[in-house]
């Protein structure tokens, strides 16, 4: 009978040891998933910030129409806004009928260099792009007034 009790005690020790072993395998996996989710949220944050800054600066460029001033505005808007990312290229194109702002950057992820088997690159690219048409407001107001006058003439007849 004593022998059975020893076996039960052995089984209890074995179960406690297997729990430690399972935790040793699961903990790095759980930490890796948490890190992946964290850096993925940083990536989407940076992408959204670049889109918003490109949109805001394109709207301002449509009003200002001076490339040097727009680059100054871009520098102010981009200051300390990205999480783990760097803007590598800023482009502003002011044409006759539209303004286009393109922001490109990279985001470094620690440990990605060790994953060359899965991903062939070490950094992720982020980009924000916005095109805004330029409207001639005076001619637009003249057209609206003309249409209103035509509307009143049609209603009166």
N, C-alpha and C. Protein backbone atom coordinates (compact mmCIF):
# COMPACT_ATOMS: atom_id res chain seq x y z
N UNK A 1 0.80 -1.20 0.00
CA UNK A 1 0.00 0.00 0.00
C UNK A 1 0.85 1.27 0.00
N UNK A 2 1.96 1.17 0.66
CA UNK A 2 2.84 2.34 0.67
C UNK A 2 3.33 2.67 -0.73
N UNK A 3 3.51 1.66 -1.49
CA UNK A 3 4.01 1.87 -2.83
C UNK A 3 3.05 2.71 -3.67
N UNK A 4 1.80 2.51 -3.53
CA UNK A 4 0.81 3.28 -4.27
C UNK A 4 0.87 4.75 -3.86
N UNK A 5 1.05 4.99 -2.56
CA UNK A 5 1.14 6.38 -2.10
C UNK A 5 2.37 7.06 -2.69
N UNK A 6 3.47 6.33 -2.79
CA UNK A 6 4.66 6.93 -3.39
C UNK A 6 4.40 7.29 -4.84
N UNK A 7 3.71 6.42 -5.54
CA UNK A 7 3.39 6.71 -6.93
C UNK A 7 2.50 7.96 -7.05
N UNK A 8 1.55 8.08 -6.13
CA UNK A 8 0.71 9.28 -6.18
C UNK A 8 1.53 10.53 -5.92
N UNK A 9 2.43 10.44 -4.95
CA UNK A 9 3.30 11.58 -4.69
C UNK A 9 4.21 11.88 -5.87
N UNK A 10 4.68 10.88 -6.53
CA UNK A 10 5.52 11.06 -7.71
C UNK A 10 4.72 11.72 -8.82
N UNK A 11 3.49 11.29 -8.97
CA UNK A 11 2.64 11.88 -10.01
C UNK A 11 2.38 13.36 -9.73
N UNK A 12 2.19 13.71 -8.47
CA UNK A 12 1.97 15.11 -8.13
C UNK A 12 3.22 15.94 -8.45
N UNK A 13 4.39 15.43 -8.13
CA UNK A 13 5.61 16.14 -8.45
C UNK A 13 5.81 16.24 -9.95
N UNK A 14 5.47 15.20 -10.67
CA UNK A 14 5.60 15.21 -12.11
C UNK A 14 4.65 16.24 -12.72
N UNK A 15 3.44 16.34 -12.21
CA UNK A 15 2.48 17.32 -12.73
C UNK A 15 2.97 18.73 -12.47
N UNK A 16 3.52 19.00 -11.30
CA UNK A 16 4.03 20.34 -10.99
C UNK A 16 5.22 20.67 -11.89
N UNK A 17 6.06 19.74 -12.15
CA UNK A 17 7.20 19.96 -13.03
C UNK A 17 6.77 20.18 -14.47
N UNK A 18 5.74 19.50 -14.92
CA UNK A 18 5.28 19.68 -16.30
C UNK A 18 4.64 21.05 -16.47
N UNK A 19 4.03 21.57 -15.42
CA UNK A 19 3.46 22.91 -15.48
C UNK A 19 4.56 23.96 -15.67
N UNK A 20 5.65 23.79 -14.98
CA UNK A 20 6.79 24.70 -15.14
C UNK A 20 7.37 24.60 -16.54
N UNK A 21 7.47 23.41 -17.05
CA UNK A 21 7.99 23.21 -18.39
C UNK A 21 7.08 23.83 -19.43
N UNK A 22 5.77 23.68 -19.28
CA UNK A 22 4.82 24.28 -20.22
C UNK A 22 4.90 25.80 -20.17
N UNK A 23 5.04 26.36 -18.97
CA UNK A 23 5.16 27.81 -18.83
C UNK A 23 6.44 28.31 -19.47
N UNK A 24 7.50 27.52 -19.39
CA UNK A 24 8.77 27.92 -20.01
C UNK A 24 8.65 27.98 -21.53
N UNK A 25 7.82 27.17 -22.12
CA UNK A 25 7.61 27.22 -23.56
C UNK A 25 6.59 28.29 -23.95
N UNK A 26 5.58 28.51 -23.13
CA UNK A 26 4.52 29.45 -23.48
C UNK A 26 4.90 30.91 -23.25
N UNK A 27 5.67 31.20 -22.24
CA UNK A 27 6.00 32.58 -21.92
C UNK A 27 6.71 33.31 -23.07
N UNK A 28 7.74 32.75 -23.70
CA UNK A 28 8.35 33.46 -24.84
C UNK A 28 7.37 33.64 -26.00
N UNK A 29 6.50 32.67 -26.21
CA UNK A 29 5.51 32.79 -27.27
C UNK A 29 4.53 33.92 -26.98
N UNK A 30 4.08 34.02 -25.76
CA UNK A 30 3.15 35.08 -25.38
C UNK A 30 3.82 36.45 -25.49
N UNK A 31 5.07 36.55 -25.04
CA UNK A 31 5.80 37.81 -25.16
C UNK A 31 6.03 38.20 -26.62
N UNK A 32 6.31 37.24 -27.46
CA UNK A 32 6.49 37.53 -28.89
C UNK A 32 5.20 38.05 -29.51
N UNK A 33 4.07 37.46 -29.16
CA UNK A 33 2.78 37.92 -29.69
C UNK A 33 2.49 39.34 -29.20
N UNK A 34 2.77 39.63 -27.94
CA UNK A 34 2.55 40.98 -27.41
C UNK A 34 3.43 42.00 -28.14
N UNK A 35 4.70 41.65 -28.37
CA UNK A 35 5.60 42.56 -29.09
C UNK A 35 5.13 42.79 -30.53
N UNK A 36 4.68 41.75 -31.19
CA UNK A 36 4.19 41.88 -32.56
C UNK A 36 2.98 42.79 -32.61
N UNK A 37 2.05 42.62 -31.69
CA UNK A 37 0.85 43.46 -31.66
C UNK A 37 1.25 44.91 -31.37
N UNK A 38 2.21 45.12 -30.47
CA UNK A 38 2.65 46.46 -30.12
C UNK A 38 3.28 47.16 -31.32
N UNK A 39 4.20 46.50 -32.02
CA UNK A 39 4.85 47.13 -33.17
C UNK A 39 3.90 47.27 -34.35
N UNK A 40 2.93 46.40 -34.47
CA UNK A 40 1.92 46.55 -35.51
C UNK A 40 1.07 47.79 -35.25
N UNK A 41 0.74 48.03 -33.98
CA UNK A 41 0.00 49.24 -33.65
C UNK A 41 0.85 50.49 -33.89
N UNK A 42 2.16 50.44 -33.64
CA UNK A 42 3.05 51.55 -33.96
C UNK A 42 3.06 51.80 -35.47
N UNK A 43 3.09 50.74 -36.26
CA UNK A 43 3.10 50.88 -37.72
C UNK A 43 1.83 51.56 -38.21
N UNK A 44 0.68 51.11 -37.73
CA UNK A 44 -0.58 51.72 -38.17
C UNK A 44 -0.70 53.16 -37.67
N UNK A 45 -0.20 53.44 -36.48
CA UNK A 45 -0.20 54.82 -35.97
C UNK A 45 0.62 55.71 -36.88
N UNK A 46 1.82 55.27 -37.25
CA UNK A 46 2.69 56.07 -38.11
C UNK A 46 2.07 56.28 -39.49
N UNK A 47 1.42 55.25 -40.01
CA UNK A 47 0.77 55.35 -41.31
C UNK A 47 -0.35 56.40 -41.27
N UNK A 48 -1.15 56.37 -40.23
CA UNK A 48 -2.26 57.31 -40.09
C UNK A 48 -1.75 58.73 -39.87
N UNK A 49 -0.69 58.89 -39.08
CA UNK A 49 -0.12 60.22 -38.84
C UNK A 49 0.42 60.80 -40.14
N UNK A 50 1.12 60.01 -40.95
CA UNK A 50 1.65 60.52 -42.22
C UNK A 50 0.52 60.92 -43.17
N UNK A 51 -0.55 60.13 -43.20
CA UNK A 51 -1.70 60.48 -44.05
C UNK A 51 -2.32 61.80 -43.59
N UNK A 52 -2.49 61.98 -42.28
CA UNK A 52 -3.10 63.19 -41.75
C UNK A 52 -2.23 64.42 -42.01
N UNK A 53 -0.93 64.28 -41.83
CA UNK A 53 -0.02 65.41 -42.07
C UNK A 53 0.02 65.75 -43.55
N UNK A 54 0.02 64.75 -44.41
CA UNK A 54 0.00 65.00 -45.86
C UNK A 54 -1.29 65.72 -46.25
N UNK A 55 -2.40 65.32 -45.68
CA UNK A 55 -3.69 65.95 -45.98
C UNK A 55 -3.71 67.40 -45.52
N UNK A 56 -3.28 67.63 -44.27
CA UNK A 56 -3.29 69.00 -43.73
C UNK A 56 -2.35 69.92 -44.50
N UNK A 57 -1.17 69.44 -44.82
CA UNK A 57 -0.22 70.29 -45.54
C UNK A 57 -0.65 70.52 -46.99
N UNK A 58 -1.33 69.56 -47.61
CA UNK A 58 -1.83 69.77 -48.97
C UNK A 58 -2.93 70.83 -48.99
N UNK A 59 -3.78 70.82 -47.98
CA UNK A 59 -4.84 71.84 -47.90
C UNK A 59 -4.22 73.22 -47.67
N UNK A 60 -3.20 73.28 -46.80
CA UNK A 60 -2.52 74.56 -46.59
C UNK A 60 -1.76 75.01 -47.83
N UNK A 61 -1.18 74.06 -48.57
CA UNK A 61 -0.44 74.41 -49.79
C UNK A 61 -1.38 74.96 -50.85
N UNK A 62 -2.61 74.47 -50.86
CA UNK A 62 -3.60 74.96 -51.82
C UNK A 62 -3.91 76.42 -51.54
N UNK A 63 -3.81 76.83 -50.29
CA UNK A 63 -4.09 78.22 -49.93
C UNK A 63 -2.85 79.10 -50.04
N UNK A 64 -1.69 78.57 -49.66
CA UNK A 64 -0.46 79.37 -49.62
C UNK A 64 0.24 79.41 -50.97
N UNK A 65 0.38 78.27 -51.62
CA UNK A 65 1.04 78.11 -52.93
C UNK A 65 2.52 78.49 -52.91
N UNK A 66 3.21 78.21 -51.81
CA UNK A 66 4.64 78.47 -51.70
C UNK A 66 5.31 77.20 -51.14
N UNK A 67 6.16 76.58 -51.95
CA UNK A 67 6.76 75.30 -51.57
C UNK A 67 7.66 75.41 -50.34
N UNK A 68 8.44 76.47 -50.24
CA UNK A 68 9.35 76.63 -49.10
C UNK A 68 8.56 76.73 -47.80
N UNK A 69 7.47 77.47 -47.83
CA UNK A 69 6.63 77.60 -46.63
C UNK A 69 5.98 76.27 -46.26
N UNK A 70 5.61 75.49 -47.26
CA UNK A 70 4.99 74.18 -47.00
C UNK A 70 6.00 73.22 -46.39
N UNK A 71 7.25 73.27 -46.83
CA UNK A 71 8.28 72.41 -46.22
C UNK A 71 8.50 72.80 -44.75
N UNK A 72 8.44 74.08 -44.44
CA UNK A 72 8.55 74.51 -43.04
C UNK A 72 7.37 73.99 -42.22
N UNK A 73 6.19 74.05 -42.79
CA UNK A 73 4.99 73.54 -42.11
C UNK A 73 5.11 72.03 -41.90
N UNK A 74 5.61 71.32 -42.91
CA UNK A 74 5.80 69.87 -42.79
C UNK A 74 6.77 69.54 -41.67
N UNK A 75 7.87 70.28 -41.58
CA UNK A 75 8.84 70.02 -40.52
C UNK A 75 8.23 70.23 -39.14
N UNK A 76 7.41 71.27 -39.00
CA UNK A 76 6.77 71.52 -37.71
C UNK A 76 5.75 70.44 -37.38
N UNK A 77 4.99 70.00 -38.38
CA UNK A 77 3.96 68.99 -38.13
C UNK A 77 4.56 67.61 -37.84
N UNK A 78 5.71 67.31 -38.43
CA UNK A 78 6.33 65.99 -38.25
C UNK A 78 7.17 65.87 -36.99
N UNK A 79 7.39 66.97 -36.31
CA UNK A 79 8.29 66.97 -35.16
C UNK A 79 7.75 66.08 -34.04
N UNK A 80 8.50 65.01 -33.72
CA UNK A 80 8.18 64.07 -32.62
C UNK A 80 6.79 63.46 -32.72
N UNK A 81 6.37 63.13 -33.92
CA UNK A 81 5.03 62.56 -34.09
C UNK A 81 5.04 61.06 -34.37
N UNK A 82 6.17 60.53 -34.87
CA UNK A 82 6.22 59.12 -35.26
C UNK A 82 6.79 58.27 -34.13
N UNK A 83 6.25 57.06 -33.99
CA UNK A 83 6.71 56.12 -32.98
C UNK A 83 7.63 55.10 -33.65
N UNK A 84 8.92 55.24 -33.45
CA UNK A 84 9.88 54.29 -34.00
C UNK A 84 10.08 54.42 -35.50
N UNK A 85 9.67 55.53 -36.07
CA UNK A 85 9.79 55.71 -37.51
C UNK A 85 10.49 57.01 -37.84
N UNK A 86 11.00 57.10 -39.08
CA UNK A 86 11.71 58.29 -39.55
C UNK A 86 11.20 58.62 -40.95
N UNK A 87 10.92 59.90 -41.19
CA UNK A 87 10.53 60.34 -42.53
C UNK A 87 11.80 60.54 -43.35
N UNK A 88 11.88 59.84 -44.48
CA UNK A 88 13.08 59.90 -45.31
C UNK A 88 12.93 60.83 -46.51
N UNK A 89 11.69 61.06 -46.95
CA UNK A 89 11.50 61.89 -48.13
C UNK A 89 10.22 62.72 -47.99
N UNK A 90 10.34 64.01 -48.30
CA UNK A 90 9.19 64.91 -48.34
C UNK A 90 9.13 65.52 -49.73
N UNK A 91 7.98 65.42 -50.38
CA UNK A 91 7.83 65.98 -51.71
C UNK A 91 6.54 66.80 -51.76
N UNK A 92 6.65 68.01 -52.33
CA UNK A 92 5.49 68.87 -52.53
C UNK A 92 5.49 69.30 -54.00
N UNK A 93 4.39 69.02 -54.68
CA UNK A 93 4.24 69.41 -56.08
C UNK A 93 3.04 70.35 -56.18
N UNK A 94 3.31 71.60 -56.60
CA UNK A 94 2.24 72.57 -56.80
C UNK A 94 2.10 72.76 -58.31
N UNK A 95 1.00 72.29 -58.85
CA UNK A 95 0.73 72.40 -60.28
C UNK A 95 -0.36 73.44 -60.51
N UNK A 96 -0.77 73.60 -61.77
CA UNK A 96 -1.80 74.60 -62.08
C UNK A 96 -3.13 74.30 -61.42
N UNK A 97 -3.52 73.03 -61.43
CA UNK A 97 -4.86 72.70 -60.95
C UNK A 97 -4.89 71.79 -59.73
N UNK A 98 -3.72 71.44 -59.18
CA UNK A 98 -3.71 70.57 -58.00
C UNK A 98 -2.42 70.71 -57.20
N UNK A 99 -2.50 70.29 -55.96
CA UNK A 99 -1.35 70.25 -55.07
C UNK A 99 -1.21 68.82 -54.58
N UNK A 100 0.01 68.27 -54.65
CA UNK A 100 0.25 66.90 -54.20
C UNK A 100 1.38 66.90 -53.17
N UNK A 101 1.13 66.24 -52.05
CA UNK A 101 2.13 66.10 -50.99
C UNK A 101 2.36 64.61 -50.76
N UNK A 102 3.63 64.21 -50.80
CA UNK A 102 4.00 62.81 -50.60
C UNK A 102 5.04 62.74 -49.48
N UNK A 103 4.75 61.95 -48.46
CA UNK A 103 5.68 61.72 -47.35
C UNK A 103 6.04 60.24 -47.32
N UNK A 104 7.31 59.92 -47.33
CA UNK A 104 7.77 58.54 -47.27
C UNK A 104 8.70 58.38 -46.08
N UNK A 105 8.66 57.21 -45.47
CA UNK A 105 9.53 56.97 -44.33
C UNK A 105 9.75 55.49 -44.10
N UNK A 106 10.54 55.21 -43.09
CA UNK A 106 10.82 53.82 -42.71
C UNK A 106 10.58 53.66 -41.22
N UNK A 107 10.33 52.42 -40.86
CA UNK A 107 10.13 52.08 -39.45
C UNK A 107 10.98 50.87 -39.13
N UNK A 108 11.91 51.05 -38.22
CA UNK A 108 12.80 49.96 -37.82
C UNK A 108 12.14 49.14 -36.73
N UNK A 109 12.21 47.83 -36.88
CA UNK A 109 11.67 46.93 -35.87
C UNK A 109 12.83 46.12 -35.32
N UNK A 110 13.09 46.19 -34.00
CA UNK A 110 14.20 45.43 -33.43
C UNK A 110 13.98 43.92 -33.59
N UNK A 111 15.03 43.23 -33.94
CA UNK A 111 14.93 41.78 -34.07
C UNK A 111 14.47 41.32 -35.44
N UNK A 112 14.09 42.25 -36.31
CA UNK A 112 13.62 41.85 -37.63
C UNK A 112 14.77 41.34 -38.50
N UNK A 113 15.99 41.77 -38.20
CA UNK A 113 17.15 41.30 -38.96
C UNK A 113 17.37 39.80 -38.75
N UNK A 114 16.95 39.27 -37.61
CA UNK A 114 17.11 37.84 -37.35
C UNK A 114 16.05 37.01 -38.06
N UNK A 115 15.04 37.66 -38.56
CA UNK A 115 13.95 36.94 -39.21
C UNK A 115 14.08 36.99 -40.73
N UNK A 116 15.30 37.01 -41.24
CA UNK A 116 15.51 37.08 -42.68
C UNK A 116 14.92 35.89 -43.43
N UNK A 117 14.69 34.81 -42.74
CA UNK A 117 14.07 33.66 -43.39
C UNK A 117 12.62 33.95 -43.75
N UNK A 118 11.93 34.72 -42.90
CA UNK A 118 10.52 35.04 -43.15
C UNK A 118 10.35 36.31 -43.97
N UNK A 119 11.12 37.33 -43.65
CA UNK A 119 10.99 38.62 -44.32
C UNK A 119 12.33 39.02 -44.93
N UNK A 120 12.36 39.40 -46.21
CA UNK A 120 13.63 39.72 -46.85
C UNK A 120 14.13 41.13 -46.56
N UNK A 121 13.44 41.92 -45.75
CA UNK A 121 13.85 43.29 -45.48
C UNK A 121 13.92 43.53 -43.98
N UNK A 122 14.69 44.56 -43.61
CA UNK A 122 14.90 44.83 -42.20
C UNK A 122 14.02 45.95 -41.67
N UNK A 123 13.41 46.74 -42.54
CA UNK A 123 12.58 47.84 -42.07
C UNK A 123 11.32 47.92 -42.93
N UNK A 124 10.28 48.43 -42.32
CA UNK A 124 9.00 48.58 -43.00
C UNK A 124 8.89 49.99 -43.57
N UNK A 125 8.25 50.12 -44.71
CA UNK A 125 8.09 51.45 -45.30
C UNK A 125 6.70 51.98 -44.96
N UNK A 126 6.64 53.29 -44.70
CA UNK A 126 5.38 53.96 -44.43
C UNK A 126 5.27 55.13 -45.40
N UNK A 127 4.04 55.44 -45.81
CA UNK A 127 3.86 56.50 -46.80
C UNK A 127 2.53 57.19 -46.58
N UNK A 128 2.55 58.50 -46.76
CA UNK A 128 1.35 59.31 -46.73
C UNK A 128 1.30 60.15 -47.99
N UNK A 129 0.14 60.18 -48.66
CA UNK A 129 0.04 60.89 -49.93
C UNK A 129 -1.33 61.54 -50.01
N UNK A 130 -1.37 62.79 -50.46
CA UNK A 130 -2.63 63.49 -50.61
C UNK A 130 -2.55 64.45 -51.78
N UNK A 131 -3.60 64.46 -52.61
CA UNK A 131 -3.73 65.38 -53.73
C UNK A 131 -4.98 66.22 -53.52
N UNK A 132 -4.82 67.53 -53.61
CA UNK A 132 -5.94 68.45 -53.41
C UNK A 132 -6.08 69.32 -54.65
N UNK A 133 -7.28 69.41 -55.21
CA UNK A 133 -7.46 70.29 -56.38
C UNK A 133 -7.44 71.76 -55.96
N UNK A 134 -6.96 72.60 -56.85
CA UNK A 134 -6.93 74.04 -56.61
C UNK A 134 -8.15 74.64 -57.31
N UNK A 135 -8.96 75.33 -56.53
CA UNK A 135 -10.16 75.96 -57.07
C UNK A 135 -9.93 77.46 -57.19
N UNK A 136 -10.44 78.03 -58.28
CA UNK A 136 -10.44 79.47 -58.44
C UNK A 136 -11.73 79.98 -57.80
N UNK A 137 -11.62 80.51 -56.61
CA UNK A 137 -12.82 80.85 -55.83
C UNK A 137 -13.62 81.98 -56.45
N UNK A 138 -12.96 82.96 -57.06
CA UNK A 138 -13.71 84.08 -57.64
C UNK A 138 -14.58 83.62 -58.80
N UNK A 139 -14.04 82.76 -59.68
CA UNK A 139 -14.86 82.27 -60.80
C UNK A 139 -15.96 81.34 -60.30
N UNK A 140 -15.69 80.59 -59.24
CA UNK A 140 -16.72 79.73 -58.66
C UNK A 140 -17.88 80.57 -58.11
N UNK A 141 -17.57 81.66 -57.42
CA UNK A 141 -18.62 82.53 -56.87
C UNK A 141 -19.40 83.18 -58.01
N UNK A 142 -18.73 83.57 -59.08
CA UNK A 142 -19.43 84.16 -60.23
C UNK A 142 -20.40 83.14 -60.86
N UNK A 143 -19.95 81.89 -60.97
CA UNK A 143 -20.83 80.86 -61.54
C UNK A 143 -22.04 80.61 -60.66
N UNK A 144 -21.83 80.58 -59.35
CA UNK A 144 -22.94 80.36 -58.43
C UNK A 144 -23.95 81.50 -58.55
N UNK A 145 -23.48 82.73 -58.61
CA UNK A 145 -24.38 83.88 -58.75
C UNK A 145 -25.12 83.84 -60.08
N UNK A 146 -24.45 83.40 -61.14
CA UNK A 146 -25.10 83.27 -62.44
C UNK A 146 -26.21 82.23 -62.38
N UNK A 147 -25.92 81.08 -61.75
CA UNK A 147 -26.94 80.03 -61.63
C UNK A 147 -28.11 80.49 -60.78
N UNK A 148 -27.83 81.25 -59.72
CA UNK A 148 -28.93 81.78 -58.89
C UNK A 148 -29.79 82.76 -59.68
N UNK A 149 -29.14 83.59 -60.51
CA UNK A 149 -29.91 84.53 -61.34
C UNK A 149 -30.77 83.79 -62.36
N UNK A 150 -30.20 82.75 -62.97
CA UNK A 150 -30.97 81.95 -63.92
C UNK A 150 -32.14 81.25 -63.22
N UNK A 151 -31.93 80.79 -62.04
CA UNK A 151 -32.97 80.13 -61.28
C UNK A 151 -34.11 81.08 -60.97
N UNK A 152 -33.80 82.29 -60.56
CA UNK A 152 -34.87 83.28 -60.27
C UNK A 152 -35.59 83.68 -61.55
N UNK A 153 -34.87 83.76 -62.68
CA UNK A 153 -35.54 84.09 -63.95
C UNK A 153 -36.50 82.98 -64.36
N UNK A 154 -36.11 81.72 -64.18
CA UNK A 154 -36.96 80.59 -64.56
C UNK A 154 -38.17 80.52 -63.66
N UNK A 155 -38.00 80.77 -62.37
CA UNK A 155 -39.12 80.71 -61.42
C UNK A 155 -40.09 81.84 -61.67
N UNK A 156 -39.64 83.04 -62.06
CA UNK A 156 -40.51 84.15 -62.31
C UNK A 156 -41.35 83.96 -63.57
N UNK A 157 -40.87 83.25 -64.55
CA UNK A 157 -41.61 83.06 -65.79
C UNK A 157 -42.64 82.03 -65.62
